[in-house]
PDB file of all heavy atoms in Angstrom:
ATOM      1  N   THR A   1      -9.865   9.971  12.822  1.00  0.00           N
ATOM      2  CA  THR A   1      -8.666   9.271  12.535  1.00  0.00           C
ATOM      3  C   THR A   1      -8.917   7.659  12.506  1.00  0.00           C
ATOM      4  O   THR A   1      -9.505   7.204  13.566  1.00  0.00           O
ATOM      5  CB  THR A   1      -7.622   9.461  13.690  1.00  0.00           C
ATOM      6  OG1 THR A   1      -7.280  10.928  13.586  1.00  0.00           O
ATOM      7  CG2 THR A   1      -6.347   8.722  13.336  1.00  0.00           C
ATOM      8  N   LEU A   2      -8.676   7.095  11.442  1.00  0.00           N
ATOM      9  CA  LEU A   2      -8.767   5.618  11.323  1.00  0.00           C
ATOM     10  C   LEU A   2      -7.435   4.997  11.664  1.00  0.00           C
ATOM     11  O   LEU A   2      -6.378   5.552  11.370  1.00  0.00           O
ATOM     12  CB  LEU A   2      -9.216   5.304   9.869  1.00  0.00           C
ATOM     13  CG  LEU A   2     -10.449   6.014   9.366  1.00  0.00           C
ATOM     14  CD1 LEU A   2     -10.835   5.452   7.926  1.00  0.00           C
ATOM     15  CD2 LEU A   2     -11.603   5.745  10.261  1.00  0.00           C
ATOM     16  N   SER A   3      -7.541   3.728  12.301  1.00  0.00           N
ATOM     17  CA  SER A   3      -6.390   2.896  12.558  1.00  0.00           C
ATOM     18  C   SER A   3      -6.485   1.572  11.893  1.00  0.00           C
ATOM     19  O   SER A   3      -7.731   1.033  11.871  1.00  0.00           O
ATOM     20  CB  SER A   3      -6.123   2.930  14.004  1.00  0.00           C
ATOM     21  OG  SER A   3      -5.771   4.180  14.598  1.00  0.00           O
ATOM     22  N   CYS A   4      -5.457   0.885  11.479  1.00  0.00           N
ATOM     23  CA  CYS A   4      -5.532  -0.386  11.054  1.00  0.00           C
ATOM     24  C   CYS A   4      -4.301  -1.212  11.566  1.00  0.00           C
ATOM     25  O   CYS A   4      -3.137  -0.819  11.466  1.00  0.00           O
ATOM     26  CB  CYS A   4      -5.413  -0.377   9.625  1.00  0.00           C
ATOM     27  SG  CYS A   4      -5.241  -2.137   8.792  1.00  0.00           S
ATOM     28  N   ALA A   5      -4.607  -2.234  12.322  1.00  0.00           N
ATOM     29  CA  ALA A   5      -3.731  -3.074  12.976  1.00  0.00           C
ATOM     30  C   ALA A   5      -3.519  -4.400  12.266  1.00  0.00           C
ATOM     31  O   ALA A   5      -4.494  -5.093  11.922  1.00  0.00           O
ATOM     32  CB  ALA A   5      -3.953  -3.415  14.415  1.00  0.00           C
ATOM     33  N   ALA A   6      -2.331  -4.631  11.794  1.00  0.00           N
ATOM     34  CA  ALA A   6      -2.028  -5.981  11.103  1.00  0.00           C
ATOM     35  C   ALA A   6      -1.524  -6.992  11.962  1.00  0.00           C
ATOM     36  O   ALA A   6      -0.762  -6.747  12.778  1.00  0.00           O
ATOM     37  CB  ALA A   6      -1.015  -5.712   9.877  1.00  0.00           C
ATOM     38  N   SER A   7      -1.944  -8.266  11.782  1.00  0.00           N
ATOM     39  CA  SER A   7      -1.369  -9.394  12.437  1.00  0.00           C
ATOM     40  C   SER A   7      -1.151 -10.538  11.549  1.00  0.00           C
ATOM     41  O   SER A   7      -1.700 -10.587  10.451  1.00  0.00           O
ATOM     42  CB  SER A   7      -2.247  -9.700  13.681  1.00  0.00           C
ATOM     43  OG  SER A   7      -3.547 -10.084  13.172  1.00  0.00           O
ATOM     44  N   GLY A   8      -0.456 -11.635  12.135  1.00  0.00           N
ATOM     45  CA  GLY A   8      -0.233 -12.877  11.295  1.00  0.00           C
ATOM     46  C   GLY A   8       1.226 -12.699  10.585  1.00  0.00           C
ATOM     47  O   GLY A   8       2.113 -12.326  11.314  1.00  0.00           O
ATOM     48  N   ASP A   9       1.276 -13.044   9.389  1.00  0.00           N
ATOM     49  CA  ASP A   9       2.585 -12.905   8.648  1.00  0.00           C
ATOM     50  C   ASP A   9       2.981 -11.646   8.228  1.00  0.00           C
ATOM     51  O   ASP A   9       2.948 -11.316   6.988  1.00  0.00           O
ATOM     52  CB  ASP A   9       2.552 -13.949   7.445  1.00  0.00           C
ATOM     53  CG  ASP A   9       2.391 -15.537   7.952  1.00  0.00           C
ATOM     54  OD1 ASP A   9       2.776 -15.768   9.091  1.00  0.00           O
ATOM     55  OD2 ASP A   9       1.866 -16.221   7.126  1.00  0.00           O
ATOM     56  N   THR A  10       3.166 -10.746   9.110  1.00  0.00           N
ATOM     57  CA  THR A  10       3.318  -9.229   8.791  1.00  0.00           C
ATOM     58  C   THR A  10       4.685  -8.987   8.109  1.00  0.00           C
ATOM     59  O   THR A  10       4.884  -7.963   7.455  1.00  0.00           O
ATOM     60  CB  THR A  10       3.141  -8.379  10.048  1.00  0.00           C
ATOM     61  OG1 THR A  10       4.111  -8.882  10.955  1.00  0.00           O
ATOM     62  CG2 THR A  10       1.844  -8.544  10.675  1.00  0.00           C
ATOM     63  N   PHE A  11       5.554  -9.945   8.152  1.00  0.00           N
ATOM     64  CA  PHE A  11       6.877  -9.821   7.427  1.00  0.00           C
ATOM     65  C   PHE A  11       6.742  -9.710   5.891  1.00  0.00           C
ATOM     66  O   PHE A  11       7.587  -9.120   5.304  1.00  0.00           O
ATOM     67  CB  PHE A  11       7.722 -10.976   7.782  1.00  0.00           C
ATOM     68  CG  PHE A  11       7.273 -12.417   7.311  1.00  0.00           C
ATOM     69  CD1 PHE A  11       7.741 -12.801   5.975  1.00  0.00           C
ATOM     70  CD2 PHE A  11       6.473 -13.215   8.075  1.00  0.00           C
ATOM     71  CE1 PHE A  11       7.176 -13.999   5.536  1.00  0.00           C
ATOM     72  CE2 PHE A  11       6.017 -14.347   7.568  1.00  0.00           C
ATOM     73  CZ  PHE A  11       6.444 -14.792   6.287  1.00  0.00           C
ATOM     74  N   SER A  12       5.557 -10.196   5.446  1.00  0.00           N
ATOM     75  CA  SER A  12       5.437 -10.262   4.027  1.00  0.00           C
ATOM     76  C   SER A  12       4.666  -8.941   3.467  1.00  0.00           C
ATOM     77  O   SER A  12       4.436  -8.805   2.324  1.00  0.00           O
ATOM     78  CB  SER A  12       4.381 -11.389   3.735  1.00  0.00           C
ATOM     79  OG  SER A  12       3.110 -11.242   4.223  1.00  0.00           O
ATOM     80  N   ILE A  13       4.425  -8.017   4.342  1.00  0.00           N
ATOM     81  CA  ILE A  13       3.763  -6.818   4.008  1.00  0.00           C
ATOM     82  C   ILE A  13       4.798  -5.847   3.355  1.00  0.00           C
ATOM     83  O   ILE A  13       5.697  -5.511   3.897  1.00  0.00           O
ATOM     84  CB  ILE A  13       3.192  -6.085   5.195  1.00  0.00           C
ATOM     85  CG1 ILE A  13       1.945  -6.897   5.720  1.00  0.00           C
ATOM     86  CG2 ILE A  13       2.456  -4.723   4.733  1.00  0.00           C
ATOM     87  CD1 ILE A  13       1.251  -6.366   7.034  1.00  0.00           C
ATOM     88  N   TYR A  14       4.407  -5.381   2.176  1.00  0.00           N
ATOM     89  CA  TYR A  14       5.268  -4.481   1.400  1.00  0.00           C
ATOM     90  C   TYR A  14       4.670  -3.040   1.483  1.00  0.00           C
ATOM     91  O   TYR A  14       5.326  -2.062   1.820  1.00  0.00           O
ATOM     92  CB  TYR A  14       5.343  -4.803  -0.042  1.00  0.00           C
ATOM     93  CG  TYR A  14       6.161  -3.843  -0.914  1.00  0.00           C
ATOM     94  CD1 TYR A  14       7.454  -3.502  -0.642  1.00  0.00           C
ATOM     95  CD2 TYR A  14       5.444  -3.377  -2.091  1.00  0.00           C
ATOM     96  CE1 TYR A  14       8.079  -2.650  -1.283  1.00  0.00           C
ATOM     97  CE2 TYR A  14       6.068  -2.476  -2.876  1.00  0.00           C
ATOM     98  CZ  TYR A  14       7.364  -2.104  -2.573  1.00  0.00           C
ATOM     99  OH  TYR A  14       8.117  -1.130  -3.315  1.00  0.00           O
ATOM    100  N   LEU A  15       3.329  -2.860   1.106  1.00  0.00           N
ATOM    101  CA  LEU A  15       2.624  -1.497   1.262  1.00  0.00           C
ATOM    102  C   LEU A  15       1.494  -1.781   2.049  1.00  0.00           C
ATOM    103  O   LEU A  15       0.825  -2.852   2.169  1.00  0.00           O
ATOM    104  CB  LEU A  15       2.301  -1.124  -0.209  1.00  0.00           C
ATOM    105  CG  LEU A  15       3.288  -0.985  -1.118  1.00  0.00           C
ATOM    106  CD1 LEU A  15       2.658  -0.654  -2.620  1.00  0.00           C
ATOM    107  CD2 LEU A  15       4.190   0.352  -0.740  1.00  0.00           C
ATOM    108  N   MET A  16       1.062  -0.656   2.695  1.00  0.00           N
ATOM    109  CA  MET A  16      -0.300  -0.643   3.423  1.00  0.00           C
ATOM    110  C   MET A  16      -0.943   0.675   2.981  1.00  0.00           C
ATOM    111  O   MET A  16      -0.308   1.641   2.678  1.00  0.00           O
ATOM    112  CB  MET A  16      -0.091  -0.624   4.890  1.00  0.00           C
ATOM    113  CG  MET A  16       0.425  -1.971   5.453  1.00  0.00           C
ATOM    114  SD  MET A  16       0.411  -2.102   7.222  1.00  0.00           S
ATOM    115  CE  MET A  16      -1.395  -2.404   7.389  1.00  0.00           C
ATOM    116  N   GLY A  17      -2.355   0.580   2.998  1.00  0.00           N
ATOM    117  CA  GLY A  17      -3.061   1.680   2.556  1.00  0.00           C
ATOM    118  C   GLY A  17      -4.478   1.687   2.853  1.00  0.00           C
ATOM    119  O   GLY A  17      -4.954   0.726   3.534  1.00  0.00           O
ATOM    120  N   TRP A  18      -5.274   2.743   2.428  1.00  0.00           N
ATOM    121  CA  TRP A  18      -6.709   2.839   2.649  1.00  0.00           C
ATOM    122  C   TRP A  18      -7.385   3.000   1.362  1.00  0.00           C
ATOM    123  O   TRP A  18      -6.881   3.781   0.452  1.00  0.00           O
ATOM    124  CB  TRP A  18      -7.069   3.958   3.588  1.00  0.00           C
ATOM    125  CG  TRP A  18      -6.611   3.783   4.978  1.00  0.00           C
ATOM    126  CD1 TRP A  18      -5.305   4.172   5.510  1.00  0.00           C
ATOM    127  CD2 TRP A  18      -7.236   3.204   6.102  1.00  0.00           C
ATOM    128  NE1 TRP A  18      -5.217   3.843   6.818  1.00  0.00           N
ATOM    129  CE2 TRP A  18      -6.423   3.216   7.132  1.00  0.00           C
ATOM    130  CE3 TRP A  18      -8.550   2.679   6.168  1.00  0.00           C
ATOM    131  CZ2 TRP A  18      -6.863   2.759   8.414  1.00  0.00           C
ATOM    132  CZ3 TRP A  18      -8.900   2.171   7.423  1.00  0.00           C
ATOM    133  CH2 TRP A  18      -7.992   2.237   8.570  1.00  0.00           C
ATOM    134  N   TYR A  19      -8.440   2.235   1.123  1.00  0.00           N
ATOM    135  CA  TYR A  19      -9.331   2.426   0.132  1.00  0.00           C
ATOM    136  C   TYR A  19     -10.680   2.714   0.578  1.00  0.00           C
ATOM    137  O   TYR A  19     -11.043   2.473   1.697  1.00  0.00           O
ATOM    138  CB  TYR A  19      -9.468   1.078  -0.704  1.00  0.00           C
ATOM    139  CG  TYR A  19      -8.264   0.789  -1.564  1.00  0.00           C
ATOM    140  CD1 TYR A  19      -7.165   0.313  -0.964  1.00  0.00           C
ATOM    141  CD2 TYR A  19      -8.308   0.804  -3.015  1.00  0.00           C
ATOM    142  CE1 TYR A  19      -5.994  -0.059  -1.705  1.00  0.00           C
ATOM    143  CE2 TYR A  19      -7.219   0.527  -3.756  1.00  0.00           C
ATOM    144  CZ  TYR A  19      -6.059   0.079  -3.087  1.00  0.00           C
ATOM    145  OH  TYR A  19      -4.931  -0.272  -3.837  1.00  0.00           O
ATOM    146  N   ARG A  20     -11.759   3.260  -0.252  1.00  0.00           N
ATOM    147  CA  ARG A  20     -13.058   3.479   0.109  1.00  0.00           C
ATOM    148  C   ARG A  20     -13.974   3.171  -0.931  1.00  0.00           C
ATOM    149  O   ARG A  20     -13.617   3.223  -2.086  1.00  0.00           O
ATOM    150  CB  ARG A  20     -13.191   5.013   0.643  1.00  0.00           C
ATOM    151  CG  ARG A  20     -12.993   6.007  -0.555  1.00  0.00           C
ATOM    152  CD  ARG A  20     -13.002   7.470   0.103  1.00  0.00           C
ATOM    153  NE  ARG A  20     -13.010   8.425  -0.930  1.00  0.00           N
ATOM    154  CZ  ARG A  20     -12.937   9.865  -0.659  1.00  0.00           C
ATOM    155  NH1 ARG A  20     -12.857  10.186   0.534  1.00  0.00           N
ATOM    156  NH2 ARG A  20     -12.831  10.545  -1.592  1.00  0.00           N
ATOM    157  N   GLN A  21     -15.189   2.993  -0.520  1.00  0.00           N
ATOM    158  CA  GLN A  21     -16.222   2.620  -1.520  1.00  0.00           C
ATOM    159  C   GLN A  21     -17.507   3.262  -1.096  1.00  0.00           C
ATOM    160  O   GLN A  21     -18.036   2.990  -0.095  1.00  0.00           O
ATOM    161  CB  GLN A  21     -16.437   1.058  -1.741  1.00  0.00           C
ATOM    162  CG  GLN A  21     -17.329   0.769  -2.927  1.00  0.00           C
ATOM    163  CD  GLN A  21     -17.246  -0.762  -3.187  1.00  0.00           C
ATOM    164  OE1 GLN A  21     -16.809  -1.531  -2.415  1.00  0.00           O
ATOM    165  NE2 GLN A  21     -17.719  -1.090  -4.433  1.00  0.00           N
ATOM    166  N   ALA A  22     -17.964   4.162  -1.924  1.00  0.00           N
ATOM    167  CA  ALA A  22     -19.300   4.780  -1.725  1.00  0.00           C
ATOM    168  C   ALA A  22     -20.393   3.986  -2.454  1.00  0.00           C
ATOM    169  O   ALA A  22     -20.056   3.328  -3.369  1.00  0.00           O
ATOM    170  CB  ALA A  22     -19.326   6.352  -2.199  1.00  0.00           C
ATOM    171  N   PRO A  23     -21.703   4.151  -1.927  1.00  0.00           N
ATOM    172  CA  PRO A  23     -22.748   3.483  -2.773  1.00  0.00           C
ATOM    173  C   PRO A  23     -22.777   3.713  -4.189  1.00  0.00           C
ATOM    174  O   PRO A  23     -22.697   4.940  -4.540  1.00  0.00           O
ATOM    175  CB  PRO A  23     -24.026   4.030  -1.982  1.00  0.00           C
ATOM    176  CG  PRO A  23     -23.479   4.360  -0.695  1.00  0.00           C
ATOM    177  CD  PRO A  23     -22.095   5.024  -0.796  1.00  0.00           C
ATOM    178  N   GLY A  24     -22.851   2.752  -4.979  1.00  0.00           N
ATOM    179  CA  GLY A  24     -22.982   2.964  -6.478  1.00  0.00           C
ATOM    180  C   GLY A  24     -21.643   3.298  -7.101  1.00  0.00           C
ATOM    181  O   GLY A  24     -21.601   3.542  -8.326  1.00  0.00           O
ATOM    182  N   LYS A  25     -20.474   3.227  -6.389  1.00  0.00           N
ATOM    183  CA  LYS A  25     -19.219   3.668  -7.024  1.00  0.00           C
ATOM    184  C   LYS A  25     -18.245   2.524  -6.751  1.00  0.00           C
ATOM    185  O   LYS A  25     -18.336   1.613  -5.998  1.00  0.00           O
ATOM    186  CB  LYS A  25     -18.679   4.932  -6.267  1.00  0.00           C
ATOM    187  CG  LYS A  25     -19.454   6.069  -6.666  1.00  0.00           C
ATOM    188  CD  LYS A  25     -18.765   7.351  -6.134  1.00  0.00           C
ATOM    189  CE  LYS A  25     -19.460   8.709  -6.639  1.00  0.00           C
ATOM    190  NZ  LYS A  25     -18.694   9.860  -6.168  1.00  0.00           N
ATOM    191  N   GLN A  26     -17.117   2.606  -7.551  1.00  0.00           N
ATOM    192  CA  GLN A  26     -16.074   1.531  -7.511  1.00  0.00           C
ATOM    193  C   GLN A  26     -15.227   1.866  -6.357  1.00  0.00           C
ATOM    194  O   GLN A  26     -15.180   3.050  -5.886  1.00  0.00           O
ATOM    195  CB  GLN A  26     -15.240   1.611  -8.835  1.00  0.00           C
ATOM    196  CG  GLN A  26     -15.909   1.008 -10.035  1.00  0.00           C
ATOM    197  CD  GLN A  26     -16.156  -0.451  -9.949  1.00  0.00           C
ATOM    198  OE1 GLN A  26     -17.344  -0.891  -9.821  1.00  0.00           O
ATOM    199  NE2 GLN A  26     -15.109  -1.240 -10.155  1.00  0.00           N
ATOM    200  N   ARG A  27     -14.529   0.897  -5.749  1.00  0.00           N
ATOM    201  CA  ARG A  27     -13.630   0.944  -4.666  1.00  0.00           C
ATOM    202  C   ARG A  27     -12.373   1.783  -5.248  1.00  0.00           C
ATOM    203  O   ARG A  27     -12.004   1.490  -6.313  1.00  0.00           O
ATOM    204  CB  ARG A  27     -13.162  -0.274  -4.133  1.00  0.00           C
ATOM    205  CG  ARG A  27     -12.295  -0.175  -2.952  1.00  0.00           C
ATOM    206  CD  ARG A  27     -12.202  -1.648  -2.279  1.00  0.00           C
ATOM    207  NE  ARG A  27     -13.313  -2.170  -1.796  1.00  0.00           N
ATOM    208  CZ  ARG A  27     -13.396  -3.313  -1.206  1.00  0.00           C
ATOM    209  NH1 ARG A  27     -12.281  -4.049  -0.795  1.00  0.00           N
ATOM    210  NH2 ARG A  27     -14.595  -3.843  -0.807  1.00  0.00           N
ATOM    211  N   GLU A  28     -11.907   2.812  -4.559  1.00  0.00           N
ATOM    212  CA  GLU A  28     -10.874   3.700  -4.908  1.00  0.00           C
ATOM    213  C   GLU A  28      -9.749   3.864  -3.857  1.00  0.00           C
ATOM    214  O   GLU A  28     -10.028   3.769  -2.618  1.00  0.00           O
ATOM    215  CB  GLU A  28     -11.421   5.010  -5.359  1.00  0.00           C
ATOM    216  CG  GLU A  28     -11.954   5.851  -4.193  1.00  0.00           C
ATOM    217  CD  GLU A  28     -12.487   7.303  -4.563  1.00  0.00           C
ATOM    218  OE1 GLU A  28     -12.050   7.819  -5.616  1.00  0.00           O
ATOM    219  OE2 GLU A  28     -13.119   7.970  -3.645  1.00  0.00           O
ATOM    220  N   LEU A  29      -8.582   3.980  -4.336  1.00  0.00           N
ATOM    221  CA  LEU A  29      -7.447   4.120  -3.384  1.00  0.00           C
ATOM    222  C   LEU A  29      -7.584   5.581  -2.836  1.00  0.00           C
ATOM    223  O   LEU A  29      -7.828   6.585  -3.518  1.00  0.00           O
ATOM    224  CB  LEU A  29      -6.145   4.091  -4.159  1.00  0.00           C
ATOM    225  CG  LEU A  29      -4.829   4.397  -3.412  1.00  0.00           C
ATOM    226  CD1 LEU A  29      -4.708   3.365  -2.254  1.00  0.00           C
ATOM    227  CD2 LEU A  29      -3.667   4.462  -4.324  1.00  0.00           C
ATOM    228  N   VAL A  30      -7.354   5.758  -1.504  1.00  0.00           N
ATOM    229  CA  VAL A  30      -7.418   6.919  -0.752  1.00  0.00           C
ATOM    230  C   VAL A  30      -5.994   7.339  -0.399  1.00  0.00           C
ATOM    231  O   VAL A  30      -5.619   8.480  -0.803  1.00  0.00           O
ATOM    232  CB  VAL A  30      -8.142   6.847   0.461  1.00  0.00           C
ATOM    233  CG1 VAL A  30      -8.190   8.159   1.229  1.00  0.00           C
ATOM    234  CG2 VAL A  30      -9.632   6.503   0.137  1.00  0.00           C
ATOM    235  N   ALA A  31      -5.122   6.487   0.122  1.00  0.00           N
ATOM    236  CA  ALA A  31      -3.843   6.736   0.481  1.00  0.00           C
ATOM    237  C   ALA A  31      -3.055   5.589   0.655  1.00  0.00           C
ATOM    238  O   ALA A  31      -3.660   4.453   0.932  1.00  0.00           O
ATOM    239  CB  ALA A  31      -3.813   7.626   1.714  1.00  0.00           C
ATOM    240  N   ARG A  32      -1.720   5.511   0.346  1.00  0.00           N
ATOM    241  CA  ARG A  32      -0.901   4.397   0.542  1.00  0.00           C
ATOM    242  C   ARG A  32       0.475   4.837   1.030  1.00  0.00           C
ATOM    243  O   ARG A  32       1.016   5.883   0.769  1.00  0.00           O
ATOM    244  CB  ARG A  32      -0.642   3.757  -0.941  1.00  0.00           C
ATOM    245  CG  ARG A  32      -0.027   2.463  -1.008  1.00  0.00           C
ATOM    246  CD  ARG A  32      -0.178   1.847  -2.360  1.00  0.00           C
ATOM    247  NE  ARG A  32       0.514   2.532  -3.298  1.00  0.00           N
ATOM    248  CZ  ARG A  32       0.200   2.557  -4.634  1.00  0.00           C
ATOM    249  NH1 ARG A  32      -0.762   1.722  -5.049  1.00  0.00           N
ATOM    250  NH2 ARG A  32       0.808   3.399  -5.512  1.00  0.00           N
ATOM    251  N   ILE A  33       1.147   3.911   1.766  1.00  0.00           N
ATOM    252  CA  ILE A  33       2.388   4.216   2.425  1.00  0.00           C
ATOM    253  C   ILE A  33       3.329   3.079   2.328  1.00  0.00           C
ATOM    254  O   ILE A  33       2.812   1.886   2.535  1.00  0.00           O
ATOM    255  CB  ILE A  33       2.299   4.734   3.792  1.00  0.00           C
ATOM    256  CG1 ILE A  33       3.605   5.253   4.412  1.00  0.00           C
ATOM    257  CG2 ILE A  33       1.708   3.664   4.709  1.00  0.00           C
ATOM    258  CD1 ILE A  33       3.531   6.028   5.627  1.00  0.00           C
ATOM    259  N   ALA A  34       4.618   3.222   2.084  1.00  0.00           N
ATOM    260  CA  ALA A  34       5.684   2.138   1.933  1.00  0.00           C
ATOM    261  C   ALA A  34       6.492   2.333   3.250  1.00  0.00           C
ATOM    262  O   ALA A  34       6.338   3.273   3.971  1.00  0.00           O
ATOM    263  CB  ALA A  34       6.359   2.144   0.738  1.00  0.00           C
TER     264      ALA A  34
END
């Protein structure tokens, strides 16, 4: 289980999500939540 904590101007956040990048590959969207 991965966790991500946001700080700063968090009022401006619309979407949050996770991307991943494997060696030799482009960064890709894994999951997103509104």
